[in-house]
Amino acid sequence: MMKNSSLKHIETLMERYPNLQVCKREIIDSVEILIKTFKEGNKLLVCGNGGSASDSEHIVGELMKGFILPRKLDQDLVDEIDDDILSSSLQKTLPAISLVSETALITAFSNDQLPSAAFAQQVLGYGKSGDTLLCISTSGNSLNCIYAAKIAQIKGIHVISLTGQKENKLEKYSDIVIHAPEKETFKIQELHLPIYHAICLALEEEFFG
């Protein structure tokens, strides 16, 4: 169970976006899975297309460095680094990888193999049991996300999907589906950002608050 101070970020999200009450339980469950993932020394993989690819990188940026809280290194590590400038610049992290960022790998694989399997190839290579995969797809029917989720499921990787209001194919391969309550792509994307910001805030508070 997450700390009350972490849960407060979800409550604030609900106050600011009352229409998200319909997916509150799924958002909380997603945070809980990610807390378990990171506490057990595992990582988050994130993928999506177009605007959702940008969201994938955005999420990784919020987790891999300080978001709103300082994340000072433990003194033991500071002593080992023995460089005040370097150690004062580095921050504690929550390990996350955006699968959309490997340009050379994606283009090489897409040229040689099935382009829609490029995310699945990375899940196969990077992923291990206990990790979590976050698939961001406004339709929930993006084939490359579906393939990634299918491989994740086979490997014992938790799958969270962030989609729109409609039923979709990603549901079959997901442990949790957060249905943003909109049907048009740009409106779904407008809700995805505050949802994942709240998740990142809750995680940061849980580990560094």
C-alpha atoms as a PDB file:
ATOM      1  CA  MET A   1       0.000   0.000   0.000  1.00  0.00           C
ATOM      2  CA  MET A   2       1.432   3.361  -0.973  1.00  0.00           C
ATOM      3  CA  LYS A   3       2.019   6.126   1.541  1.00  0.00           C
ATOM      4  CA  ASN A   4      -0.788   8.606   2.185  1.00  0.00           C
ATOM      5  CA  SER A   5       1.457  11.401   0.929  1.00  0.00           C
ATOM      6  CA  SER A   6       1.891   9.519  -2.357  1.00  0.00           C
ATOM      7  CA  LEU A   7      -1.838   8.865  -2.678  1.00  0.00           C
ATOM      8  CA  LYS A   8      -2.453  12.583  -2.217  1.00  0.00           C
ATOM      9  CA  HIS A   9      -1.106  13.203  -5.728  1.00  0.00           C
ATOM     10  CA  ILE A  10      -3.830  10.945  -7.136  1.00  0.00           C
ATOM     11  CA  GLU A  11      -6.464  12.717  -5.048  1.00  0.00           C
ATOM     12  CA  THR A  12      -5.219  16.058  -6.373  1.00  0.00           C
ATOM     13  CA  LEU A  13      -5.502  14.692  -9.921  1.00  0.00           C
ATOM     14  CA  MET A  14      -9.132  13.772  -9.243  1.00  0.00           C
ATOM     15  CA  GLU A  15      -9.857  17.245  -7.904  1.00  0.00           C
ATOM     16  CA  ARG A  16      -8.352  18.887 -10.971  1.00  0.00           C
ATOM     17  CA  TYR A  17      -9.862  16.417 -13.466  1.00  0.00           C
ATOM     18  CA  PRO A  18     -13.129  15.069 -11.989  1.00  0.00           C
ATOM     19  CA  ASN A  19     -13.851  13.139 -15.208  1.00  0.00           C
ATOM     20  CA  LEU A  20     -10.923  10.851 -14.353  1.00  0.00           C
ATOM     21  CA  GLN A  21     -12.801   9.383 -11.393  1.00  0.00           C
ATOM     22  CA  VAL A  22     -13.847   6.558 -13.737  1.00  0.00           C
ATOM     23  CA  CYS A  23     -10.248   5.327 -13.937  1.00  0.00           C
ATOM     24  CA  LYS A  24      -9.058   6.253 -10.426  1.00  0.00           C
ATOM     25  CA  ARG A  25      -8.808   2.615  -9.302  1.00  0.00           C
ATOM     26  CA  GLU A  26      -6.682   1.688 -12.330  1.00  0.00           C
ATOM     27  CA  ILE A  27      -4.366   4.663 -11.763  1.00  0.00           C
ATOM     28  CA  ILE A  28      -3.845   3.682  -8.127  1.00  0.00           C
ATOM     29  CA  ASP A  29      -3.265   0.051  -9.104  1.00  0.00           C
ATOM     30  CA  SER A  30      -0.685   1.183 -11.680  1.00  0.00           C
ATOM     31  CA  VAL A  31       1.227   3.123  -9.037  1.00  0.00           C
ATOM     32  CA  GLU A  32       1.135   0.085  -6.739  1.00  0.00           C
ATOM     33  CA  ILE A  33       2.552  -2.188  -9.458  1.00  0.00           C
ATOM     34  CA  LEU A  34       5.318   0.314 -10.212  1.00  0.00           C
ATOM     35  CA  ILE A  35       6.192   0.674  -6.530  1.00  0.00           C
ATOM     36  CA  LYS A  36       6.574  -3.103  -6.370  1.00  0.00           C
ATOM     37  CA  THR A  37       8.616  -3.072  -9.590  1.00  0.00           C
ATOM     38  CA  PHE A  38      11.109  -0.517  -8.326  1.00  0.00           C
ATOM     39  CA  LYS A  39      11.293  -1.857  -4.771  1.00  0.00           C
ATOM     40  CA  GLU A  40      12.299  -5.247  -6.144  1.00  0.00           C
ATOM     41  CA  GLY A  41      15.118  -3.718  -8.190  1.00  0.00           C
ATOM     42  CA  ASN A  42      13.361  -3.952 -11.535  1.00  0.00           C
ATOM     43  CA  LYS A  43      12.668  -1.368 -14.232  1.00  0.00           C
ATOM     44  CA  LEU A  44       9.994   0.268 -16.368  1.00  0.00           C
ATOM     45  CA  LEU A  45       9.882   0.012 -20.162  1.00  0.00           C
ATOM     46  CA  VAL A  46       7.688   2.508 -22.044  1.00  0.00           C
ATOM     47  CA  CYS A  47       6.488   2.603 -25.648  1.00  0.00           C
ATOM     48  CA  GLY A  48       4.050   4.447 -27.900  1.00  0.00           C
ATOM     49  CA  ASN A  49       3.683   6.057 -31.340  1.00  0.00           C
ATOM     50  CA  GLY A  50       3.614   9.681 -32.461  1.00  0.00           C
ATOM     51  CA  GLY A  51       2.505  11.889 -29.583  1.00  0.00           C
ATOM     52  CA  SER A  52       2.576   8.819 -27.358  1.00  0.00           C
ATOM     53  CA  ALA A  53       6.235   8.300 -28.305  1.00  0.00           C
ATOM     54  CA  SER A  54       6.904  11.792 -26.980  1.00  0.00           C
ATOM     55  CA  ASP A  55       4.974  10.875 -23.835  1.00  0.00           C
ATOM     56  CA  SER A  56       7.173   7.786 -23.457  1.00  0.00           C
ATOM     57  CA  GLU A  57      10.290   9.933 -23.381  1.00  0.00           C
ATOM     58  CA  HIS A  58       8.600  12.490 -21.137  1.00  0.00           C
ATOM     59  CA  ILE A  59       7.790   9.822 -18.529  1.00  0.00           C
ATOM     60  CA  VAL A  60      11.342   8.477 -18.548  1.00  0.00           C
ATOM     61  CA  GLY A  61      12.623  12.015 -18.041  1.00  0.00           C
ATOM     62  CA  GLU A  62      10.462  12.472 -14.937  1.00  0.00           C
ATOM     63  CA  LEU A  63      11.595   9.158 -13.417  1.00  0.00           C
ATOM     64  CA  MET A  64      15.298   9.113 -14.246  1.00  0.00           C
ATOM     65  CA  LYS A  65      15.995  12.481 -12.599  1.00  0.00           C
ATOM     66  CA  GLY A  66      14.391  14.766 -10.040  1.00  0.00           C
ATOM     67  CA  PHE A  67      10.837  15.824 -10.903  1.00  0.00           C
ATOM     68  CA  ILE A  68       9.776  18.168  -8.093  1.00  0.00           C
ATOM     69  CA  LEU A  69      11.784  16.726  -5.181  1.00  0.00           C
ATOM     70  CA  PRO A  70      15.532  16.711  -4.515  1.00  0.00           C
ATOM     71  CA  ARG A  71      17.024  13.232  -4.823  1.00  0.00           C
ATOM     72  CA  LYS A  72      20.382  13.552  -3.116  1.00  0.00           C
ATOM     73  CA  LEU A  73      22.743  10.619  -3.227  1.00  0.00           C
ATOM     74  CA  ASP A  74      23.444   8.606  -0.083  1.00  0.00           C
ATOM     75  CA  GLN A  75      26.557   9.734   1.743  1.00  0.00           C
ATOM     76  CA  ASP A  76      28.302   6.372   1.201  1.00  0.00           C
ATOM     77  CA  LEU A  77      28.065   6.856  -2.574  1.00  0.00           C
ATOM     78  CA  VAL A  78      29.116  10.500  -2.291  1.00  0.00           C
ATOM     79  CA  ASP A  79      32.228   9.391  -0.408  1.00  0.00           C
ATOM     80  CA  GLU A  80      32.988   6.727  -3.008  1.00  0.00           C
ATOM     81  CA  ILE A  81      32.618   9.151  -5.922  1.00  0.00           C
ATOM     82  CA  ASP A  82      34.976  11.568  -4.124  1.00  0.00           C
ATOM     83  CA  ASP A  83      34.129  14.456  -6.458  1.00  0.00           C
ATOM     84  CA  ASP A  84      31.940  17.199  -5.005  1.00  0.00           C
ATOM     85  CA  ILE A  85      30.942  18.668  -8.365  1.00  0.00           C
ATOM     86  CA  LEU A  86      29.906  15.310  -9.807  1.00  0.00           C
ATOM     87  CA  SER A  87      28.182  13.967  -6.701  1.00  0.00           C
ATOM     88  CA  SER A  88      26.242  17.206  -6.167  1.00  0.00           C
ATOM     89  CA  SER A  89      24.959  17.003  -9.748  1.00  0.00           C
ATOM     90  CA  LEU A  90      23.854  13.361  -9.754  1.00  0.00           C
ATOM     91  CA  GLN A  91      20.419  12.345  -8.454  1.00  0.00           C
ATOM     92  CA  LYS A  92      18.779   9.132  -7.332  1.00  0.00           C
ATOM     93  CA  THR A  93      16.734   7.508 -10.063  1.00  0.00           C
ATOM     94  CA  LEU A  94      13.838   5.198 -10.813  1.00  0.00           C
ATOM     95  CA  PRO A  95      15.149   3.069 -13.718  1.00  0.00           C
ATOM     96  CA  ALA A  96      13.124   3.503 -16.900  1.00  0.00           C
ATOM     97  CA  ILE A  97      13.806   3.012 -20.612  1.00  0.00           C
ATOM     98  CA  SER A  98      11.877   4.533 -23.518  1.00  0.00           C
ATOM     99  CA  LEU A  99      11.699   1.954 -26.305  1.00  0.00           C
ATOM    100  CA  VAL A 100      11.094   4.694 -28.891  1.00  0.00           C
ATOM    101  CA  SER A 101      14.563   6.211 -28.392  1.00  0.00           C
ATOM    102  CA  GLU A 102      16.731   3.506 -29.996  1.00  0.00           C
ATOM    103  CA  THR A 103      16.749   5.025 -33.473  1.00  0.00           C
ATOM    104  CA  ALA A 104      19.527   2.901 -34.961  1.00  0.00           C
ATOM    105  CA  LEU A 105      18.126  -0.329 -33.542  1.00  0.00           C
ATOM    106  CA  ILE A 106      14.538   0.426 -34.567  1.00  0.00           C
ATOM    107  CA  THR A 107      15.441   1.407 -38.131  1.00  0.00           C
ATOM    108  CA  ALA A 108      17.820  -1.522 -38.595  1.00  0.00           C
ATOM    109  CA  PHE A 109      15.309  -4.002 -37.221  1.00  0.00           C
ATOM    110  CA  SER A 110      12.431  -2.472 -39.223  1.00  0.00           C
ATOM    111  CA  ASN A 111      14.510  -2.680 -42.406  1.00  0.00           C
ATOM    112  CA  ASP A 112      15.487  -6.310 -41.832  1.00  0.00           C
ATOM    113  CA  GLN A 113      12.466  -7.739 -40.025  1.00  0.00           C
ATOM    114  CA  LEU A 114       8.820  -6.950 -39.246  1.00  0.00           C
ATOM    115  CA  PRO A 115       8.652  -3.206 -38.434  1.00  0.00           C
ATOM    116  CA  SER A 116       5.714  -3.631 -36.059  1.00  0.00           C
ATOM    117  CA  ALA A 117       7.810  -6.037 -33.948  1.00  0.00           C
ATOM    118  CA  ALA A 118      10.506  -3.432 -33.141  1.00  0.00           C
ATOM    119  CA  PHE A 119       9.180  -2.754 -29.609  1.00  0.00           C
ATOM    120  CA  ALA A 120       8.661  -6.467 -29.004  1.00  0.00           C
ATOM    121  CA  GLN A 121      12.304  -7.094 -29.948  1.00  0.00           C
ATOM    122  CA  GLN A 122      13.409  -4.628 -27.266  1.00  0.00           C
ATOM    123  CA  VAL A 123      11.102  -6.129 -24.657  1.00  0.00           C
ATOM    124  CA  LEU A 124      12.636  -9.498 -25.515  1.00  0.00           C
ATOM    125  CA  GLY A 125      16.123  -8.076 -25.051  1.00  0.00           C
ATOM    126  CA  TYR A 126      15.722  -5.673 -22.132  1.00  0.00           C
ATOM    127  CA  GLY A 127      12.838  -7.178 -20.201  1.00  0.00           C
ATOM    128  CA  LYS A 128      12.918  -9.650 -17.366  1.00  0.00           C
ATOM    129  CA  SER A 129      10.336 -11.068 -15.005  1.00  0.00           C
ATOM    130  CA  GLY A 130       9.287  -8.446 -12.489  1.00  0.00           C
ATOM    131  CA  ASP A 131       9.757  -5.489 -14.842  1.00  0.00           C
ATOM    132  CA  THR A 132       6.794  -3.404 -15.988  1.00  0.00           C
ATOM    133  CA  LEU A 133       5.898  -2.365 -19.536  1.00  0.00           C
ATOM    134  CA  LEU A 134       3.778   0.754 -20.054  1.00  0.00           C
ATOM    135  CA  CYS A 135       2.099   0.865 -23.470  1.00  0.00           C
ATOM    136  CA  ILE A 136       0.640   4.233 -24.463  1.00  0.00           C
ATOM    137  CA  SER A 137      -1.874   4.041 -27.302  1.00  0.00           C
ATOM    138  CA  THR A 138      -4.860   6.341 -27.766  1.00  0.00           C
ATOM    139  CA  SER A 139      -6.668   3.637 -29.749  1.00  0.00           C
ATOM    140  CA  GLY A 140      -5.362   0.690 -27.777  1.00  0.00           C
ATOM    141  CA  ASN A 141      -4.965  -1.071 -31.103  1.00  0.00           C
ATOM    142  CA  SER A 142      -1.411  -0.114 -32.121  1.00  0.00           C
ATOM    143  CA  LEU A 143       0.082  -3.347 -33.419  1.00  0.00           C
ATOM    144  CA  ASN A 144       3.634  -2.625 -32.261  1.00  0.00           C
ATOM    145  CA  CYS A 145       2.356  -2.005 -28.713  1.00  0.00           C
ATOM    146  CA  ILE A 146       0.236  -5.162 -28.839  1.00  0.00           C
ATOM    147  CA  TYR A 147       3.233  -7.248 -29.918  1.00  0.00           C
ATOM    148  CA  ALA A 148       5.350  -5.688 -27.147  1.00  0.00           C
ATOM    149  CA  ALA A 149       2.657  -6.450 -24.571  1.00  0.00           C
ATOM    150  CA  LYS A 150       2.326 -10.024 -25.814  1.00  0.00           C
ATOM    151  CA  ILE A 151       6.063 -10.676 -25.375  1.00  0.00           C
ATOM    152  CA  ALA A 152       5.986  -8.952 -21.984  1.00  0.00           C
ATOM    153  CA  GLN A 153       3.156 -11.210 -20.824  1.00  0.00           C
ATOM    154  CA  ILE A 154       5.096 -14.302 -21.923  1.00  0.00           C
ATOM    155  CA  LYS A 155       8.195 -13.121 -20.014  1.00  0.00           C
ATOM    156  CA  GLY A 156       6.367 -12.411 -16.743  1.00  0.00           C
ATOM    157  CA  ILE A 157       6.532  -8.632 -17.166  1.00  0.00           C
ATOM    158  CA  HIS A 158       3.643  -6.562 -15.774  1.00  0.00           C
ATOM    159  CA  VAL A 159       1.759  -4.667 -18.492  1.00  0.00           C
ATOM    160  CA  ILE A 160      -0.028  -1.352 -17.955  1.00  0.00           C
ATOM    161  CA  SER A 161      -1.808   0.188 -20.933  1.00  0.00           C
ATOM    162  CA  LEU A 162      -2.810   3.843 -21.141  1.00  0.00           C
ATOM    163  CA  THR A 163      -5.518   4.145 -23.795  1.00  0.00           C
ATOM    164  CA  GLY A 164      -8.756   5.929 -24.649  1.00  0.00           C
ATOM    165  CA  GLN A 165     -12.334   5.231 -23.681  1.00  0.00           C
ATOM    166  CA  LYS A 166     -13.094   2.496 -26.199  1.00  0.00           C
ATOM    167  CA  GLU A 167     -12.547  -1.226 -25.705  1.00  0.00           C
ATOM    168  CA  ASN A 168      -9.386  -2.284 -27.488  1.00  0.00           C
ATOM    169  CA  LYS A 169      -7.033  -5.141 -28.358  1.00  0.00           C
ATOM    170  CA  LEU A 170      -4.356  -4.188 -25.807  1.00  0.00           C
ATOM    171  CA  GLU A 171      -6.729  -5.214 -23.014  1.00  0.00           C
ATOM    172  CA  LYS A 172      -6.092  -8.889 -23.790  1.00  0.00           C
ATOM    173  CA  TYR A 173      -2.388  -8.538 -22.927  1.00  0.00           C
ATOM    174  CA  SER A 174      -2.610  -6.010 -20.072  1.00  0.00           C
ATOM    175  CA  ASP A 175      -2.753  -6.413 -16.303  1.00  0.00           C
ATOM    176  CA  ILE A 176      -4.213  -2.910 -15.997  1.00  0.00           C
ATOM    177  CA  VAL A 177      -5.817  -0.664 -18.603  1.00  0.00           C
ATOM    178  CA  ILE A 178      -6.293   3.021 -17.821  1.00  0.00           C
ATOM    179  CA  HIS A 179      -9.100   4.201 -20.098  1.00  0.00           C
ATOM    180  CA  ALA A 180      -8.887   7.982 -20.438  1.00  0.00           C
ATOM    181  CA  PRO A 181     -12.575   8.938 -20.828  1.00  0.00           C
ATOM    182  CA  GLU A 182     -12.389  10.489 -24.298  1.00  0.00           C
ATOM    183  CA  LYS A 183     -12.745   9.149 -27.833  1.00  0.00           C
ATOM    184  CA  GLU A 184     -10.890  11.689 -30.001  1.00  0.00           C
ATOM    185  CA  THR A 185      -7.118  11.277 -30.204  1.00  0.00           C
ATOM    186  CA  PHE A 186      -6.109  14.796 -29.157  1.00  0.00           C
ATOM    187  CA  LYS A 187      -8.557  14.781 -26.243  1.00  0.00           C
ATOM    188  CA  ILE A 188      -7.247  11.413 -25.051  1.00  0.00           C
ATOM    189  CA  GLN A 189      -3.693  12.748 -25.233  1.00  0.00           C
ATOM    190  CA  GLU A 190      -4.710  15.806 -23.218  1.00  0.00           C
ATOM    191  CA  LEU A 191      -5.762  13.476 -20.398  1.00  0.00           C
ATOM    192  CA  HIS A 192      -2.793  11.139 -20.677  1.00  0.00           C
ATOM    193  CA  LEU A 193      -0.361  13.843 -19.584  1.00  0.00           C
ATOM    194  CA  PRO A 194      -1.974  14.677 -16.211  1.00  0.00           C
ATOM    195  CA  ILE A 195      -2.476  10.946 -15.567  1.00  0.00           C
ATOM    196  CA  TYR A 196       1.169  10.023 -16.041  1.00  0.00           C
ATOM    197  CA  HIS A 197       2.356  13.172 -14.283  1.00  0.00           C
ATOM    198  CA  ALA A 198       0.329  12.141 -11.231  1.00  0.00           C
ATOM    199  CA  ILE A 199       1.778   8.630 -11.413  1.00  0.00           C
ATOM    200  CA  CYS A 200       5.321  10.026 -11.593  1.00  0.00           C
ATOM    201  CA  LEU A 201       4.643  12.426  -8.711  1.00  0.00           C
ATOM    202  CA  ALA A 202       3.244   9.611  -6.579  1.00  0.00           C
ATOM    203  CA  LEU A 203       6.261   7.406  -7.319  1.00  0.00           C
ATOM    204  CA  GLU A 204       8.719  10.175  -6.545  1.00  0.00           C
ATOM    205  CA  GLU A 205       6.991  10.882  -3.237  1.00  0.00           C
ATOM    206  CA  GLU A 206       6.940   7.175  -2.396  1.00  0.00           C
ATOM    207  CA  PHE A 207      10.686   6.719  -2.869  1.00  0.00           C
ATOM    208  CA  PHE A 208      12.163  10.158  -2.199  1.00  0.00           C
ATOM    209  CA  GLY A 209       9.564  12.049  -0.157  1.00  0.00           C
END
